Amino acid sequence: MAINAQEMLDKYLEAEAAILLGKTTIFNGRTHTMAELPQIQAGRREWERRVNAQQAAARGSPGYALADFR
């Protein structure tokens, strides 16, 4: 079963919240602690970008800004 971008983002948010509360979490088979918080945050940002890109594509947005020179 493939995990979609929103599900991955949710998993990263859960892991980040657990680590911020001082808990140790297991994510993708690895145990993470507060020391790995920057890695978890980087992963979350990447999945946020993917979710936003998928949502923009679903709306028909080209994924980049268009200038209007009227």
PDB file of N, CA and C in Angstrom:
ATOM      1  N   MET A   1       0.839  -1.177   0.000  1.00  0.00           N
ATOM      2  CA  MET A   1       0.000   0.000   0.000  1.00  0.00           C
ATOM      3  C   MET A   1       0.888   1.245   0.000  1.00  0.00           C
ATOM      4  N   ALA A   2       0.656   2.124  -0.921  1.00  0.00           N
ATOM      5  CA  ALA A   2       1.434   3.359  -1.022  1.00  0.00           C
ATOM      6  C   ALA A   2       0.863   4.407  -0.066  1.00  0.00           C
ATOM      7  N   ILE A   3       1.758   5.135   0.550  1.00  0.00           N
ATOM      8  CA  ILE A   3       1.355   6.217   1.447  1.00  0.00           C
ATOM      9  C   ILE A   3       1.385   7.505   0.646  1.00  0.00           C
ATOM     10  N   ASN A   4       0.298   8.284   0.728  1.00  0.00           N
ATOM     11  CA  ASN A   4       0.276   9.531  -0.027  1.00  0.00           C
ATOM     12  C   ASN A   4       1.000  10.640   0.740  1.00  0.00           C
ATOM     13  N   ALA A   5       1.173  11.764   0.086  1.00  0.00           N
ATOM     14  CA  ALA A   5       1.950  12.870   0.654  1.00  0.00           C
ATOM     15  C   ALA A   5       1.335  13.391   1.947  1.00  0.00           C
ATOM     16  N   GLN A   6       0.006  13.491   2.008  1.00  0.00           N
ATOM     17  CA  GLN A   6      -0.641  14.003   3.218  1.00  0.00           C
ATOM     18  C   GLN A   6      -0.409  13.064   4.393  1.00  0.00           C
ATOM     19  N   GLU A   7      -0.458  11.757   4.159  1.00  0.00           N
ATOM     20  CA  GLU A   7      -0.207  10.794   5.232  1.00  0.00           C
ATOM     21  C   GLU A   7       1.233  10.896   5.737  1.00  0.00           C
ATOM     22  N   MET A   8       2.185  11.076   4.817  1.00  0.00           N
ATOM     23  CA  MET A   8       3.585  11.234   5.231  1.00  0.00           C
ATOM     24  C   MET A   8       3.757  12.512   6.042  1.00  0.00           C
ATOM     25  N   LEU A   9       3.134  13.596   5.591  1.00  0.00           N
ATOM     26  CA  LEU A   9       3.211  14.856   6.333  1.00  0.00           C
ATOM     27  C   LEU A   9       2.650  14.672   7.735  1.00  0.00           C
ATOM     28  N   ASP A  10       1.521  13.975   7.857  1.00  0.00           N
ATOM     29  CA  ASP A  10       0.924  13.726   9.167  1.00  0.00           C
ATOM     30  C   ASP A  10       1.876  12.942  10.066  1.00  0.00           C
ATOM     31  N   LYS A  11       2.565  11.953   9.505  1.00  0.00           N
ATOM     32  CA  LYS A  11       3.519  11.159  10.287  1.00  0.00           C
ATOM     33  C   LYS A  11       4.684  12.030  10.774  1.00  0.00           C
ATOM     34  N   TYR A  12       5.184  12.912   9.903  1.00  0.00           N
ATOM     35  CA  TYR A  12       6.270  13.807  10.311  1.00  0.00           C
ATOM     36  C   TYR A  12       5.802  14.770  11.400  1.00  0.00           C
ATOM     37  N   LEU A  13       4.579  15.275  11.293  1.00  0.00           N
ATOM     38  CA  LEU A  13       4.060  16.176  12.319  1.00  0.00           C
ATOM     39  C   LEU A  13       3.928  15.459  13.660  1.00  0.00           C
ATOM     40  N   GLU A  14       3.459  14.211  13.634  1.00  0.00           N
ATOM     41  CA  GLU A  14       3.355  13.424  14.868  1.00  0.00           C
ATOM     42  C   GLU A  14       4.734  13.197  15.488  1.00  0.00           C
ATOM     43  N   ALA A  15       5.707  12.845  14.655  1.00  0.00           N
ATOM     44  CA  ALA A  15       7.063  12.599  15.154  1.00  0.00           C
ATOM     45  C   ALA A  15       7.660  13.874  15.739  1.00  0.00           C
ATOM     46  N   GLU A  16       7.468  14.995  15.045  1.00  0.00           N
ATOM     47  CA  GLU A  16       8.005  16.267  15.531  1.00  0.00           C
ATOM     48  C   GLU A  16       7.375  16.643  16.870  1.00  0.00           C
ATOM     49  N   ALA A  17       6.061  16.478  16.985  1.00  0.00           N
ATOM     50  CA  ALA A  17       5.375  16.807  18.233  1.00  0.00           C
ATOM     51  C   ALA A  17       5.869  15.925  19.377  1.00  0.00           C
ATOM     52  N   ALA A  18       6.049  14.643  19.114  1.00  0.00           N
ATOM     53  CA  ALA A  18       6.524  13.726  20.157  1.00  0.00           C
ATOM     54  C   ALA A  18       7.923  14.109  20.623  1.00  0.00           C
ATOM     55  N   ILE A  19       8.789  14.438  19.689  1.00  0.00           N
ATOM     56  CA  ILE A  19      10.160  14.806  20.046  1.00  0.00           C
ATOM     57  C   ILE A  19      10.179  16.114  20.829  1.00  0.00           C
ATOM     58  N   LEU A  20       9.339  17.070  20.428  1.00  0.00           N
ATOM     59  CA  LEU A  20       9.280  18.342  21.150  1.00  0.00           C
ATOM     60  C   LEU A  20       8.779  18.157  22.580  1.00  0.00           C
ATOM     61  N   LEU A  21       7.994  17.108  22.809  1.00  0.00           N
ATOM     62  CA  LEU A  21       7.514  16.805  24.159  1.00  0.00           C
ATOM     63  C   LEU A  21       8.535  16.012  24.963  1.00  0.00           C
ATOM     64  N   GLY A  22       9.694  15.750  24.365  1.00  0.00           N
ATOM     65  CA  GLY A  22      10.755  15.046  25.068  1.00  0.00           C
ATOM     66  C   GLY A  22      10.680  13.541  24.950  1.00  0.00           C
ATOM     67  N   LYS A  23       9.790  13.059  24.108  1.00  0.00           N
ATOM     68  CA  LYS A  23       9.644  11.621  23.932  1.00  0.00           C
ATOM     69  C   LYS A  23      10.615  11.117  22.878  1.00  0.00           C
ATOM     70  N   THR A  24      10.861   9.833  22.911  1.00  0.00           N
ATOM     71  CA  THR A  24      11.612   9.170  21.856  1.00  0.00           C
ATOM     72  C   THR A  24      10.583   8.547  20.930  1.00  0.00           C
ATOM     73  N   THR A  25      10.769   8.676  19.637  1.00  0.00           N
ATOM     74  CA  THR A  25       9.807   8.132  18.691  1.00  0.00           C
ATOM     75  C   THR A  25      10.511   7.242  17.683  1.00  0.00           C
ATOM     76  N   ILE A  26       9.785   6.263  17.155  1.00  0.00           N
ATOM     77  CA  ILE A  26      10.314   5.395  16.104  1.00  0.00           C
ATOM     78  C   ILE A  26       9.625   5.791  14.812  1.00  0.00           C
ATOM     79  N   PHE A  27      10.426   6.177  13.819  1.00  0.00           N
ATOM     80  CA  PHE A  27       9.904   6.646  12.537  1.00  0.00           C
ATOM     81  C   PHE A  27      10.732   6.014  11.436  1.00  0.00           C
ATOM     82  N   ASN A  28      10.071   5.356  10.506  1.00  0.00           N
ATOM     83  CA  ASN A  28      10.752   4.640   9.420  1.00  0.00           C
ATOM     84  C   ASN A  28      11.777   3.646   9.961  1.00  0.00           C
ATOM     85  N   GLY A  29      11.436   2.982  11.069  1.00  0.00           N
ATOM     86  CA  GLY A  29      12.305   1.956  11.621  1.00  0.00           C
ATOM     87  C   GLY A  29      13.483   2.463  12.436  1.00  0.00           C
ATOM     88  N   ARG A  30      13.608   3.770  12.595  1.00  0.00           N
ATOM     89  CA  ARG A  30      14.719   4.347  13.369  1.00  0.00           C
ATOM     90  C   ARG A  30      14.175   5.040  14.608  1.00  0.00           C
ATOM     91  N   THR A  31      14.929   4.982  15.688  1.00  0.00           N
ATOM     92  CA  THR A  31      14.565   5.672  16.919  1.00  0.00           C
ATOM     93  C   THR A  31      15.130   7.086  16.864  1.00  0.00           C
ATOM     94  N   HIS A  32      14.261   8.069  17.113  1.00  0.00           N
ATOM     95  CA  HIS A  32      14.664   9.479  17.058  1.00  0.00           C
ATOM     96  C   HIS A  32      14.481  10.117  18.427  1.00  0.00           C
ATOM     97  N   THR A  33      15.403  11.002  18.758  1.00  0.00           N
ATOM     98  CA  THR A  33      15.331  11.779  19.995  1.00  0.00           C
ATOM     99  C   THR A  33      15.466  13.253  19.642  1.00  0.00           C
ATOM    100  N   MET A  34      15.566  14.098  20.652  1.00  0.00           N
ATOM    101  CA  MET A  34      15.650  15.543  20.436  1.00  0.00           C
ATOM    102  C   MET A  34      16.812  15.922  19.522  1.00  0.00           C
ATOM    103  N   ALA A  35      17.884  15.153  19.521  1.00  0.00           N
ATOM    104  CA  ALA A  35      19.047  15.472  18.692  1.00  0.00           C
ATOM    105  C   ALA A  35      18.710  15.416  17.207  1.00  0.00           C
ATOM    106  N   GLU A  36      17.730  14.603  16.821  1.00  0.00           N
ATOM    107  CA  GLU A  36      17.367  14.483  15.409  1.00  0.00           C
ATOM    108  C   GLU A  36      16.246  15.435  14.998  1.00  0.00           C
ATOM    109  N   LEU A  37      15.855  16.340  15.869  1.00  0.00           N
ATOM    110  CA  LEU A  37      14.763  17.260  15.552  1.00  0.00           C
ATOM    111  C   LEU A  37      14.983  18.006  14.239  1.00  0.00           C
ATOM    112  N   PRO A  38      16.173  18.542  13.936  1.00  0.00           N
ATOM    113  CA  PRO A  38      16.360  19.230  12.653  1.00  0.00           C
ATOM    114  C   PRO A  38      16.094  18.326  11.441  1.00  0.00           C
ATOM    115  N   GLN A  39      16.439  17.049  11.537  1.00  0.00           N
ATOM    116  CA  GLN A  39      16.174  16.123  10.433  1.00  0.00           C
ATOM    117  C   GLN A  39      14.673  15.908  10.264  1.00  0.00           C
ATOM    118  N   ILE A  40      13.967  15.752  11.368  1.00  0.00           N
ATOM    119  CA  ILE A  40      12.516  15.575  11.320  1.00  0.00           C
ATOM    120  C   ILE A  40      11.869  16.825  10.723  1.00  0.00           C
ATOM    121  N   GLN A  41      12.328  18.001  11.141  1.00  0.00           N
ATOM    122  CA  GLN A  41      11.759  19.247  10.626  1.00  0.00           C
ATOM    123  C   GLN A  41      12.039  19.407   9.134  1.00  0.00           C
ATOM    124  N   ALA A  42      13.217  19.031   8.683  1.00  0.00           N
ATOM    125  CA  ALA A  42      13.538  19.107   7.257  1.00  0.00           C
ATOM    126  C   ALA A  42      12.635  18.165   6.462  1.00  0.00           C
ATOM    127  N   GLY A  43      12.413  16.984   6.977  1.00  0.00           N
ATOM    128  CA  GLY A  43      11.513  16.039   6.314  1.00  0.00           C
ATOM    129  C   GLY A  43      10.094  16.563   6.263  1.00  0.00           C
ATOM    130  N   ARG A  44       9.649  17.179   7.361  1.00  0.00           N
ATOM    131  CA  ARG A  44       8.302  17.758   7.395  1.00  0.00           C
ATOM    132  C   ARG A  44       8.156  18.847   6.343  1.00  0.00           C
ATOM    133  N   ARG A  45       9.166  19.716   6.243  1.00  0.00           N
ATOM    134  CA  ARG A  45       9.099  20.795   5.247  1.00  0.00           C
ATOM    135  C   ARG A  45       9.027  20.235   3.828  1.00  0.00           C
ATOM    136  N   GLU A  46       9.792  19.184   3.556  1.00  0.00           N
ATOM    137  CA  GLU A  46       9.762  18.556   2.230  1.00  0.00           C
ATOM    138  C   GLU A  46       8.369  18.013   1.928  1.00  0.00           C
ATOM    139  N   TRP A  47       7.751  17.331   2.886  1.00  0.00           N
ATOM    140  CA  TRP A  47       6.420  16.770   2.644  1.00  0.00           C
ATOM    141  C   TRP A  47       5.363  17.860   2.592  1.00  0.00           C
ATOM    142  N   GLU A  48       5.550  18.973   3.308  1.00  0.00           N
ATOM    143  CA  GLU A  48       4.628  20.104   3.175  1.00  0.00           C
ATOM    144  C   GLU A  48       4.680  20.647   1.749  1.00  0.00           C
ATOM    145  N   ARG A  49       5.894  20.755   1.187  1.00  0.00           N
ATOM    146  CA  ARG A  49       6.032  21.222  -0.199  1.00  0.00           C
ATOM    147  C   ARG A  49       5.310  20.272  -1.158  1.00  0.00           C
ATOM    148  N   ARG A  50       5.456  18.982  -0.938  1.00  0.00           N
ATOM    149  CA  ARG A  50       4.803  18.006  -1.821  1.00  0.00           C
ATOM    150  C   ARG A  50       3.283  18.093  -1.726  1.00  0.00           C
ATOM    151  N   VAL A  51       2.771  18.210  -0.500  1.00  0.00           N
ATOM    152  CA  VAL A  51       1.319  18.330  -0.317  1.00  0.00           C
ATOM    153  C   VAL A  51       0.820  19.596  -0.998  1.00  0.00           C
ATOM    154  N   ASN A  52       1.519  20.720  -0.799  1.00  0.00           N
ATOM    155  CA  ASN A  52       1.111  21.978  -1.427  1.00  0.00           C
ATOM    156  C   ASN A  52       1.143  21.875  -2.943  1.00  0.00           C
ATOM    157  N   ALA A  53       2.142  21.208  -3.498  1.00  0.00           N
ATOM    158  CA  ALA A  53       2.239  21.039  -4.949  1.00  0.00           C
ATOM    159  C   ALA A  53       1.087  20.191  -5.470  1.00  0.00           C
ATOM    160  N   GLN A  54       0.744  19.124  -4.748  1.00  0.00           N
ATOM    161  CA  GLN A  54      -0.369  18.277  -5.172  1.00  0.00           C
ATOM    162  C   GLN A  54      -1.687  19.041  -5.109  1.00  0.00           C
ATOM    163  N   GLN A  55      -1.875  19.843  -4.054  1.00  0.00           N
ATOM    164  CA  GLN A  55      -3.097  20.627  -3.928  1.00  0.00           C
ATOM    165  C   GLN A  55      -3.181  21.683  -5.026  1.00  0.00           C
ATOM    166  N   ALA A  56      -2.061  22.307  -5.357  1.00  0.00           N
ATOM    167  CA  ALA A  56      -2.038  23.307  -6.428  1.00  0.00           C
ATOM    168  C   ALA A  56      -2.359  22.655  -7.765  1.00  0.00           C
ATOM    169  N   ALA A  57      -1.811  21.473  -8.010  1.00  0.00           N
ATOM    170  CA  ALA A  57      -2.079  20.764  -9.260  1.00  0.00           C
ATOM    171  C   ALA A  57      -3.550  20.381  -9.350  1.00  0.00           C
ATOM    172  N   ALA A  58      -4.143  19.997  -8.237  1.00  0.00           N
ATOM    173  CA  ALA A  58      -5.557  19.623  -8.227  1.00  0.00           C
ATOM    174  C   ALA A  58      -6.445  20.828  -8.525  1.00  0.00           C
ATOM    175  N   ARG A  59      -5.998  22.026  -8.129  1.00  0.00           N
ATOM    176  CA  ARG A  59      -6.751  23.256  -8.409  1.00  0.00           C
ATOM    177  C   ARG A  59      -6.498  23.770  -9.818  1.00  0.00           C
ATOM    178  N   GLY A  60      -5.535  23.192 -10.501  1.00  0.00           N
ATOM    179  CA  GLY A  60      -5.198  23.656 -11.836  1.00  0.00           C
ATOM    180  C   GLY A  60      -4.168  24.763 -11.844  1.00  0.00           C
ATOM    181  N   SER A  61      -3.559  25.031 -10.709  1.00  0.00           N
ATOM    182  CA  SER A  61      -2.527  26.053 -10.605  1.00  0.00           C
ATOM    183  C   SER A  61      -1.236  25.529 -11.229  1.00  0.00           C
ATOM    184  N   PRO A  62      -0.483  26.374 -11.938  1.00  0.00           N
ATOM    185  CA  PRO A  62       0.733  25.890 -12.594  1.00  0.00           C
ATOM    186  C   PRO A  62       1.886  25.588 -11.630  1.00  0.00           C
ATOM    187  N   GLY A  63       1.786  25.978 -10.370  1.00  0.00           N
ATOM    188  CA  GLY A  63       2.847  25.691  -9.411  1.00  0.00           C
ATOM    189  C   GLY A  63       3.890  26.786  -9.315  1.00  0.00           C
ATOM    190  N   TYR A  64       3.667  27.876 -10.022  1.00  0.00           N
ATOM    191  CA  TYR A  64       4.583  29.011  -9.958  1.00  0.00           C
ATOM    192  C   TYR A  64       3.761  30.279 -10.158  1.00  0.00           C
ATOM    193  N   ALA A  65       4.312  31.416  -9.752  1.00  0.00           N
ATOM    194  CA  ALA A  65       3.598  32.684  -9.848  1.00  0.00           C
ATOM    195  C   ALA A  65       3.617  33.201 -11.281  1.00  0.00           C
ATOM    196  N   LEU A  66       2.518  33.792 -11.672  1.00  0.00           N
ATOM    197  CA  LEU A  66       2.419  34.402 -12.994  1.00  0.00           C
ATOM    198  C   LEU A  66       2.256  35.909 -12.826  1.00  0.00           C
ATOM    199  N   ALA A  67       3.062  36.672 -13.528  1.00  0.00           N
ATOM    200  CA  ALA A  67       2.984  38.131 -13.466  1.00  0.00           C
ATOM    201  C   ALA A  67       1.860  38.612 -14.375  1.00  0.00           C
ATOM    202  N   ASP A  68       1.220  39.695 -13.967  1.00  0.00           N
ATOM    203  CA  ASP A  68       0.148  40.297 -14.751  1.00  0.00           C
ATOM    204  C   ASP A  68       0.563  41.732 -15.063  1.00  0.00           C
ATOM    205  N   PHE A  69       0.924  42.006 -16.324  1.00  0.00           N
ATOM    206  CA  PHE A  69       1.420  43.321 -16.736  1.00  0.00           C
ATOM    207  C   PHE A  69       0.346  44.070 -17.520  1.00  0.00           C
ATOM    208  N   ARG A  70      -0.711  44.422 -16.869  1.00  0.00           N
ATOM    209  CA  ARG A  70      -1.785  45.158 -17.559  1.00  0.00           C
ATOM    210  C   ARG A  70      -1.574  46.630 -17.460  1.00  0.00           C
TER     211      ARG A  70
END
